[in-house]
Amino acid sequence: ALLAPLVTLLPGAALTTGAVELATGQMISGAGRIAAGGMQLVLLALGITGAAALAGVPAIDLDTAALPLGPLAPWIAVAVFGVGILVNRCARPSSAGWVLLVLYIAYGAQVLGDALVGSVLSAFVGAVVMTPVAVLISRAPGGPPPMVSFLPAYWLLVPGALGLEGVASLLHGDVSGLATLTTTLTTMVAVSVGVLVGFGVASITPV
């Protein structure tokens, strides 16, 4: 409930893009983007912990919360996320189907990767699979440009909320936030490497 209204402010995409830039040798822009994203996480976490100290936030165990929609809930959420991005970015209605297709491919690949190689590398699998698909869609008749279908799936994979949770936990004095931050960093690297590998696959795919 706290993270949902802040989702548009989370710098997960900026942090992961910075990791991509560092991996491709763009040291100044990559380091600057990561530093700016890290500072934004700290400021958001300070606001959350400060408000929690003033107003109080009850402890909630999210792991045991009931899911009224059952196992279908995440798949429905992907569609809701995609429609929200389309409305927010004023995308053309003709691109809606393509964007949702890439979103579901990215999420499906991530779920499969989680079952095969673990949760952290699942983001790598999702990025590797969805990147060439976005490029191939742009070559189809009536397909949108690659970035139109790529960016929403990219935003779906990046760990913005996880990073904020880790920083907020550390500021609250909970050392378990270090594990969350470590997962955030490894997921960022996994997504960035997956994107690079995916673009490499797309570049050798025949037109």
C-alpha atoms as a PDB file:
ATOM      1  CA  ALA A   1       0.000   0.000   0.000  1.00  0.00           C
ATOM      2  CA  LEU A   2       2.918   2.366   0.659  1.00  0.00           C
ATOM      3  CA  LEU A   3       4.881   1.447  -2.445  1.00  0.00           C
ATOM      4  CA  ALA A   4       2.039   1.507  -4.975  1.00  0.00           C
ATOM      5  CA  PRO A   5       1.503   5.315  -4.977  1.00  0.00           C
ATOM      6  CA  LEU A   6       5.286   5.814  -5.253  1.00  0.00           C
ATOM      7  CA  VAL A   7       5.813   3.492  -8.207  1.00  0.00           C
ATOM      8  CA  THR A   8       6.158   6.326 -10.726  1.00  0.00           C
ATOM      9  CA  LEU A   9       8.935   7.829  -8.560  1.00  0.00           C
ATOM     10  CA  LEU A  10      10.962   4.639  -8.161  1.00  0.00           C
ATOM     11  CA  PRO A  11      14.323   4.761  -9.975  1.00  0.00           C
ATOM     12  CA  GLY A  12      14.526   1.058 -10.806  1.00  0.00           C
ATOM     13  CA  ALA A  13      14.704   1.719 -14.554  1.00  0.00           C
ATOM     14  CA  ALA A  14      17.340   4.426 -14.067  1.00  0.00           C
ATOM     15  CA  LEU A  15      19.478   2.148 -11.890  1.00  0.00           C
ATOM     16  CA  THR A  16      19.251  -0.752 -14.332  1.00  0.00           C
ATOM     17  CA  THR A  17      19.933   1.515 -17.309  1.00  0.00           C
ATOM     18  CA  GLY A  18      22.998   2.761 -15.442  1.00  0.00           C
ATOM     19  CA  ALA A  19      24.143  -0.830 -15.043  1.00  0.00           C
ATOM     20  CA  VAL A  20      23.688  -1.362 -18.805  1.00  0.00           C
ATOM     21  CA  GLU A  21      25.767   1.749 -19.511  1.00  0.00           C
ATOM     22  CA  LEU A  22      28.529   0.634 -17.166  1.00  0.00           C
ATOM     23  CA  ALA A  23      28.551  -2.805 -18.795  1.00  0.00           C
ATOM     24  CA  THR A  24      28.998  -1.189 -22.212  1.00  0.00           C
ATOM     25  CA  GLY A  25      31.823   1.119 -21.085  1.00  0.00           C
ATOM     26  CA  GLN A  26      29.831   4.331 -20.658  1.00  0.00           C
ATOM     27  CA  MET A  27      31.311   5.051 -17.252  1.00  0.00           C
ATOM     28  CA  ILE A  28      30.328   8.693 -16.712  1.00  0.00           C
ATOM     29  CA  SER A  29      26.665   8.411 -17.711  1.00  0.00           C
ATOM     30  CA  GLY A  30      26.316   5.001 -16.022  1.00  0.00           C
ATOM     31  CA  ALA A  31      27.864   6.105 -12.727  1.00  0.00           C
ATOM     32  CA  GLY A  32      25.873   9.340 -12.744  1.00  0.00           C
ATOM     33  CA  ARG A  33      22.592   7.537 -13.393  1.00  0.00           C
ATOM     34  CA  ILE A  34      23.254   5.007 -10.625  1.00  0.00           C
ATOM     35  CA  ALA A  35      24.265   7.739  -8.170  1.00  0.00           C
ATOM     36  CA  ALA A  36      21.124   9.756  -8.946  1.00  0.00           C
ATOM     37  CA  GLY A  37      18.919   6.665  -8.663  1.00  0.00           C
ATOM     38  CA  GLY A  38      20.534   5.669  -5.382  1.00  0.00           C
ATOM     39  CA  MET A  39      19.989   9.138  -3.918  1.00  0.00           C
ATOM     40  CA  GLN A  40      16.342   9.037  -5.002  1.00  0.00           C
ATOM     41  CA  LEU A  41      15.909   5.718  -3.205  1.00  0.00           C
ATOM     42  CA  VAL A  42      17.446   7.160  -0.041  1.00  0.00           C
ATOM     43  CA  LEU A  43      15.186  10.233  -0.152  1.00  0.00           C
ATOM     44  CA  LEU A  44      12.061   8.118  -0.689  1.00  0.00           C
ATOM     45  CA  ALA A  45      13.081   5.762   2.111  1.00  0.00           C
ATOM     46  CA  LEU A  46      13.724   8.704   4.453  1.00  0.00           C
ATOM     47  CA  GLY A  47      10.236  10.004   3.735  1.00  0.00           C
ATOM     48  CA  ILE A  48       8.680   6.601   4.462  1.00  0.00           C
ATOM     49  CA  THR A  49      10.612   5.990   7.679  1.00  0.00           C
ATOM     50  CA  GLY A  50      10.038   9.553   8.894  1.00  0.00           C
ATOM     51  CA  ALA A  51       6.311   9.341   8.279  1.00  0.00           C
ATOM     52  CA  ALA A  52       6.196   5.896   9.887  1.00  0.00           C
ATOM     53  CA  ALA A  53       7.894   7.281  12.984  1.00  0.00           C
ATOM     54  CA  LEU A  54       5.307  10.056  13.229  1.00  0.00           C
ATOM     55  CA  ALA A  55       2.125   8.196  12.302  1.00  0.00           C
ATOM     56  CA  GLY A  56       3.051   4.587  12.969  1.00  0.00           C
ATOM     57  CA  VAL A  57       2.748   1.719  10.502  1.00  0.00           C
ATOM     58  CA  PRO A  58       1.381  -1.658  11.644  1.00  0.00           C
ATOM     59  CA  ALA A  59       3.461  -4.739  10.913  1.00  0.00           C
ATOM     60  CA  ILE A  60       2.091  -6.714   7.971  1.00  0.00           C
ATOM     61  CA  ASP A  61       3.283 -10.133   6.856  1.00  0.00           C
ATOM     62  CA  LEU A  62       2.991  -9.908   3.076  1.00  0.00           C
ATOM     63  CA  ASP A  63       4.152 -13.504   2.580  1.00  0.00           C
ATOM     64  CA  THR A  64       1.038 -14.948   4.190  1.00  0.00           C
ATOM     65  CA  ALA A  65      -1.518 -12.481   2.834  1.00  0.00           C
ATOM     66  CA  ALA A  66      -4.484 -14.046   1.067  1.00  0.00           C
ATOM     67  CA  LEU A  67      -4.736 -13.756  -2.706  1.00  0.00           C
ATOM     68  CA  PRO A  68      -8.438 -13.378  -3.563  1.00  0.00           C
ATOM     69  CA  LEU A  69      -7.758 -14.089  -7.244  1.00  0.00           C
ATOM     70  CA  GLY A  70      -5.465 -17.038  -6.560  1.00  0.00           C
ATOM     71  CA  PRO A  71      -2.582 -17.885  -8.922  1.00  0.00           C
ATOM     72  CA  LEU A  72      -4.179 -15.817 -11.706  1.00  0.00           C
ATOM     73  CA  ALA A  73      -3.557 -12.579  -9.808  1.00  0.00           C
ATOM     74  CA  PRO A  74      -0.027 -11.887 -11.166  1.00  0.00           C
ATOM     75  CA  TRP A  75      -1.136 -12.563 -14.747  1.00  0.00           C
ATOM     76  CA  ILE A  76      -4.071 -10.192 -14.399  1.00  0.00           C
ATOM     77  CA  ALA A  77      -1.747  -7.627 -12.820  1.00  0.00           C
ATOM     78  CA  VAL A  78       0.507  -7.753 -15.902  1.00  0.00           C
ATOM     79  CA  ALA A  79      -2.453  -6.735 -18.085  1.00  0.00           C
ATOM     80  CA  VAL A  80      -3.431  -3.953 -15.661  1.00  0.00           C
ATOM     81  CA  PHE A  81       0.166  -2.726 -15.638  1.00  0.00           C
ATOM     82  CA  GLY A  82       0.297  -2.753 -19.435  1.00  0.00           C
ATOM     83  CA  VAL A  83      -2.968  -0.846 -19.838  1.00  0.00           C
ATOM     84  CA  GLY A  84      -1.790   1.692 -17.264  1.00  0.00           C
ATOM     85  CA  ILE A  85       1.456   2.257 -19.183  1.00  0.00           C
ATOM     86  CA  LEU A  86      -0.453   2.649 -22.459  1.00  0.00           C
ATOM     87  CA  VAL A  87      -2.750   5.271 -20.938  1.00  0.00           C
ATOM     88  CA  ASN A  88       0.024   7.063 -19.074  1.00  0.00           C
ATOM     89  CA  ARG A  89       2.253   7.282 -22.151  1.00  0.00           C
ATOM     90  CA  CYS A  90      -0.616   8.038 -24.559  1.00  0.00           C
ATOM     91  CA  ALA A  91       0.367   5.113 -26.778  1.00  0.00           C
ATOM     92  CA  ARG A  92      -1.473   4.409 -29.998  1.00  0.00           C
ATOM     93  CA  PRO A  93      -4.344   1.920 -29.571  1.00  0.00           C
ATOM     94  CA  SER A  94      -2.887  -0.180 -32.396  1.00  0.00           C
ATOM     95  CA  SER A  95       0.212  -0.900 -30.303  1.00  0.00           C
ATOM     96  CA  ALA A  96      -1.741  -2.203 -27.279  1.00  0.00           C
ATOM     97  CA  GLY A  97      -1.764  -5.823 -28.403  1.00  0.00           C
ATOM     98  CA  TRP A  98       1.963  -5.820 -29.175  1.00  0.00           C
ATOM     99  CA  VAL A  99       2.846  -4.223 -25.833  1.00  0.00           C
ATOM    100  CA  LEU A 100       0.757  -6.756 -23.895  1.00  0.00           C
ATOM    101  CA  LEU A 101       2.303  -9.597 -25.911  1.00  0.00           C
ATOM    102  CA  VAL A 102       5.853  -8.570 -24.973  1.00  0.00           C
ATOM    103  CA  LEU A 103       4.795  -8.019 -21.353  1.00  0.00           C
ATOM    104  CA  TYR A 104       3.379 -11.526 -21.089  1.00  0.00           C
ATOM    105  CA  ILE A 105       6.411 -13.037 -22.832  1.00  0.00           C
ATOM    106  CA  ALA A 106       8.725 -11.246 -20.403  1.00  0.00           C
ATOM    107  CA  TYR A 107       6.707 -12.289 -17.357  1.00  0.00           C
ATOM    108  CA  GLY A 108       6.216 -15.850 -18.590  1.00  0.00           C
ATOM    109  CA  ALA A 109       9.947 -16.209 -19.261  1.00  0.00           C
ATOM    110  CA  GLN A 110      10.671 -14.815 -15.798  1.00  0.00           C
ATOM    111  CA  VAL A 111       8.316 -17.326 -14.164  1.00  0.00           C
ATOM    112  CA  LEU A 112       9.924 -20.151 -16.133  1.00  0.00           C
ATOM    113  CA  GLY A 113      13.387 -18.886 -15.250  1.00  0.00           C
ATOM    114  CA  ASP A 114      12.433 -18.757 -11.573  1.00  0.00           C
ATOM    115  CA  ALA A 115      11.471 -22.431 -11.716  1.00  0.00           C
ATOM    116  CA  LEU A 116      14.642 -23.442 -13.567  1.00  0.00           C
ATOM    117  CA  VAL A 117      17.483 -21.199 -12.329  1.00  0.00           C
ATOM    118  CA  GLY A 118      16.162 -19.252  -9.308  1.00  0.00           C
ATOM    119  CA  SER A 119      14.570 -15.905  -8.631  1.00  0.00           C
ATOM    120  CA  VAL A 120      17.572 -13.641  -9.314  1.00  0.00           C
ATOM    121  CA  LEU A 121      18.513 -15.138 -12.686  1.00  0.00           C
ATOM    122  CA  SER A 122      14.841 -15.268 -13.662  1.00  0.00           C
ATOM    123  CA  ALA A 123      15.083 -11.560 -14.506  1.00  0.00           C
ATOM    124  CA  PHE A 124      17.991 -12.399 -16.832  1.00  0.00           C
ATOM    125  CA  VAL A 125      15.873 -15.012 -18.616  1.00  0.00           C
ATOM    126  CA  GLY A 126      12.970 -12.570 -18.976  1.00  0.00           C
ATOM    127  CA  ALA A 127      15.218  -9.859 -20.431  1.00  0.00           C
ATOM    128  CA  VAL A 128      16.952 -12.238 -22.852  1.00  0.00           C
ATOM    129  CA  VAL A 129      13.647 -13.533 -24.216  1.00  0.00           C
ATOM    130  CA  MET A 130      11.634 -10.312 -24.448  1.00  0.00           C
ATOM    131  CA  THR A 131      14.339  -8.118 -26.060  1.00  0.00           C
ATOM    132  CA  PRO A 132      14.603  -9.912 -29.425  1.00  0.00           C
ATOM    133  CA  VAL A 133      10.817 -10.344 -29.453  1.00  0.00           C
ATOM    134  CA  ALA A 134      10.384  -6.557 -29.230  1.00  0.00           C
ATOM    135  CA  VAL A 135      12.837  -6.113 -32.105  1.00  0.00           C
ATOM    136  CA  LEU A 136      11.111  -8.767 -34.238  1.00  0.00           C
ATOM    137  CA  ILE A 137       7.702  -7.158 -33.584  1.00  0.00           C
ATOM    138  CA  SER A 138       9.002  -3.864 -34.986  1.00  0.00           C
ATOM    139  CA  ARG A 139       9.752  -5.674 -38.257  1.00  0.00           C
ATOM    140  CA  ALA A 140       6.216  -7.054 -38.539  1.00  0.00           C
ATOM    141  CA  PRO A 141       3.664  -5.182 -40.691  1.00  0.00           C
ATOM    142  CA  GLY A 142       2.058  -2.557 -38.474  1.00  0.00           C
ATOM    143  CA  GLY A 143       4.371  -3.343 -35.569  1.00  0.00           C
ATOM    144  CA  PRO A 144       5.403  -0.459 -33.284  1.00  0.00           C
ATOM    145  CA  PRO A 145       9.038   0.715 -32.936  1.00  0.00           C
ATOM    146  CA  PRO A 146      11.157  -1.557 -30.689  1.00  0.00           C
ATOM    147  CA  MET A 147      11.223   0.818 -27.720  1.00  0.00           C
ATOM    148  CA  VAL A 148       7.406   1.050 -27.608  1.00  0.00           C
ATOM    149  CA  SER A 149       7.017  -2.639 -26.770  1.00  0.00           C
ATOM    150  CA  PHE A 150      10.408  -3.016 -25.064  1.00  0.00           C
ATOM    151  CA  LEU A 151      10.172  -0.324 -22.375  1.00  0.00           C
ATOM    152  CA  PRO A 152       7.004  -1.522 -20.580  1.00  0.00           C
ATOM    153  CA  ALA A 153       8.456  -5.046 -20.287  1.00  0.00           C
ATOM    154  CA  TYR A 154      11.763  -3.544 -19.141  1.00  0.00           C
ATOM    155  CA  TRP A 155       9.975  -1.559 -16.434  1.00  0.00           C
ATOM    156  CA  LEU A 156       8.183  -4.743 -15.400  1.00  0.00           C
ATOM    157  CA  LEU A 157      11.493  -6.538 -14.776  1.00  0.00           C
ATOM    158  CA  VAL A 158      13.539  -3.845 -13.015  1.00  0.00           C
ATOM    159  CA  PRO A 159      13.648  -4.058  -9.180  1.00  0.00           C
ATOM    160  CA  GLY A 160      12.597  -0.551  -8.147  1.00  0.00           C
ATOM    161  CA  ALA A 161      10.228  -1.455  -5.304  1.00  0.00           C
ATOM    162  CA  LEU A 162      12.655  -4.080  -3.975  1.00  0.00           C
ATOM    163  CA  GLY A 163      15.439  -1.512  -3.716  1.00  0.00           C
ATOM    164  CA  LEU A 164      13.218   0.940  -1.861  1.00  0.00           C
ATOM    165  CA  GLU A 165      12.169  -1.788   0.560  1.00  0.00           C
ATOM    166  CA  GLY A 166      15.813  -2.621   1.285  1.00  0.00           C
ATOM    167  CA  VAL A 167      16.867   0.984   1.869  1.00  0.00           C
ATOM    168  CA  ALA A 168      13.820   1.675   4.042  1.00  0.00           C
ATOM    169  CA  SER A 169      14.545  -1.446   6.124  1.00  0.00           C
ATOM    170  CA  LEU A 170      18.148  -0.350   6.696  1.00  0.00           C
ATOM    171  CA  LEU A 171      17.094   3.152   7.737  1.00  0.00           C
ATOM    172  CA  HIS A 172      14.597   1.563  10.104  1.00  0.00           C
ATOM    173  CA  GLY A 173      17.435  -0.423  11.708  1.00  0.00           C
ATOM    174  CA  ASP A 174      16.618  -3.806  10.164  1.00  0.00           C
ATOM    175  CA  VAL A 175      19.819  -5.476   8.945  1.00  0.00           C
ATOM    176  CA  SER A 176      17.793  -7.834   6.759  1.00  0.00           C
ATOM    177  CA  GLY A 177      17.588  -4.921   4.354  1.00  0.00           C
ATOM    178  CA  LEU A 178      21.159  -5.766   3.306  1.00  0.00           C
ATOM    179  CA  ALA A 179      19.943  -9.044   1.817  1.00  0.00           C
ATOM    180  CA  THR A 180      17.185  -7.196  -0.036  1.00  0.00           C
ATOM    181  CA  LEU A 181      19.673  -4.669  -1.408  1.00  0.00           C
ATOM    182  CA  THR A 182      21.990  -7.467  -2.507  1.00  0.00           C
ATOM    183  CA  THR A 183      19.105  -9.094  -4.362  1.00  0.00           C
ATOM    184  CA  THR A 184      18.289  -5.722  -5.935  1.00  0.00           C
ATOM    185  CA  LEU A 185      21.849  -5.236  -7.179  1.00  0.00           C
ATOM    186  CA  THR A 186      22.151  -8.738  -8.579  1.00  0.00           C
ATOM    187  CA  THR A 187      18.765  -8.404 -10.282  1.00  0.00           C
ATOM    188  CA  MET A 188      19.854  -5.102 -11.839  1.00  0.00           C
ATOM    189  CA  VAL A 189      22.973  -6.725 -13.241  1.00  0.00           C
ATOM    190  CA  ALA A 190      20.981  -9.750 -14.420  1.00  0.00           C
ATOM    191  CA  VAL A 191      18.491  -7.554 -16.296  1.00  0.00           C
ATOM    192  CA  SER A 192      21.215  -5.388 -17.837  1.00  0.00           C
ATOM    193  CA  VAL A 193      23.204  -8.400 -19.055  1.00  0.00           C
ATOM    194  CA  GLY A 194      20.000 -10.018 -20.295  1.00  0.00           C
ATOM    195  CA  VAL A 195      19.137  -6.916 -22.327  1.00  0.00           C
ATOM    196  CA  LEU A 196      22.615  -6.842 -23.868  1.00  0.00           C
ATOM    197  CA  VAL A 197      22.432 -10.544 -24.741  1.00  0.00           C
ATOM    198  CA  GLY A 198      18.919 -10.084 -26.123  1.00  0.00           C
ATOM    199  CA  PHE A 199      19.976  -7.240 -28.395  1.00  0.00           C
ATOM    200  CA  GLY A 200      22.901  -9.363 -29.529  1.00  0.00           C
ATOM    201  CA  VAL A 201      20.501 -12.181 -30.436  1.00  0.00           C
ATOM    202  CA  ALA A 202      18.221  -9.717 -32.234  1.00  0.00           C
ATOM    203  CA  SER A 203      21.126  -8.322 -34.260  1.00  0.00           C
ATOM    204  CA  ILE A 204      21.913 -11.735 -35.758  1.00  0.00           C
ATOM    205  CA  THR A 205      18.253 -12.612 -36.388  1.00  0.00           C
ATOM    206  CA  PRO A 206      17.469 -12.456 -40.121  1.00  0.00           C
ATOM    207  CA  VAL A 207      15.031  -9.765 -41.199  1.00  0.00           C
END
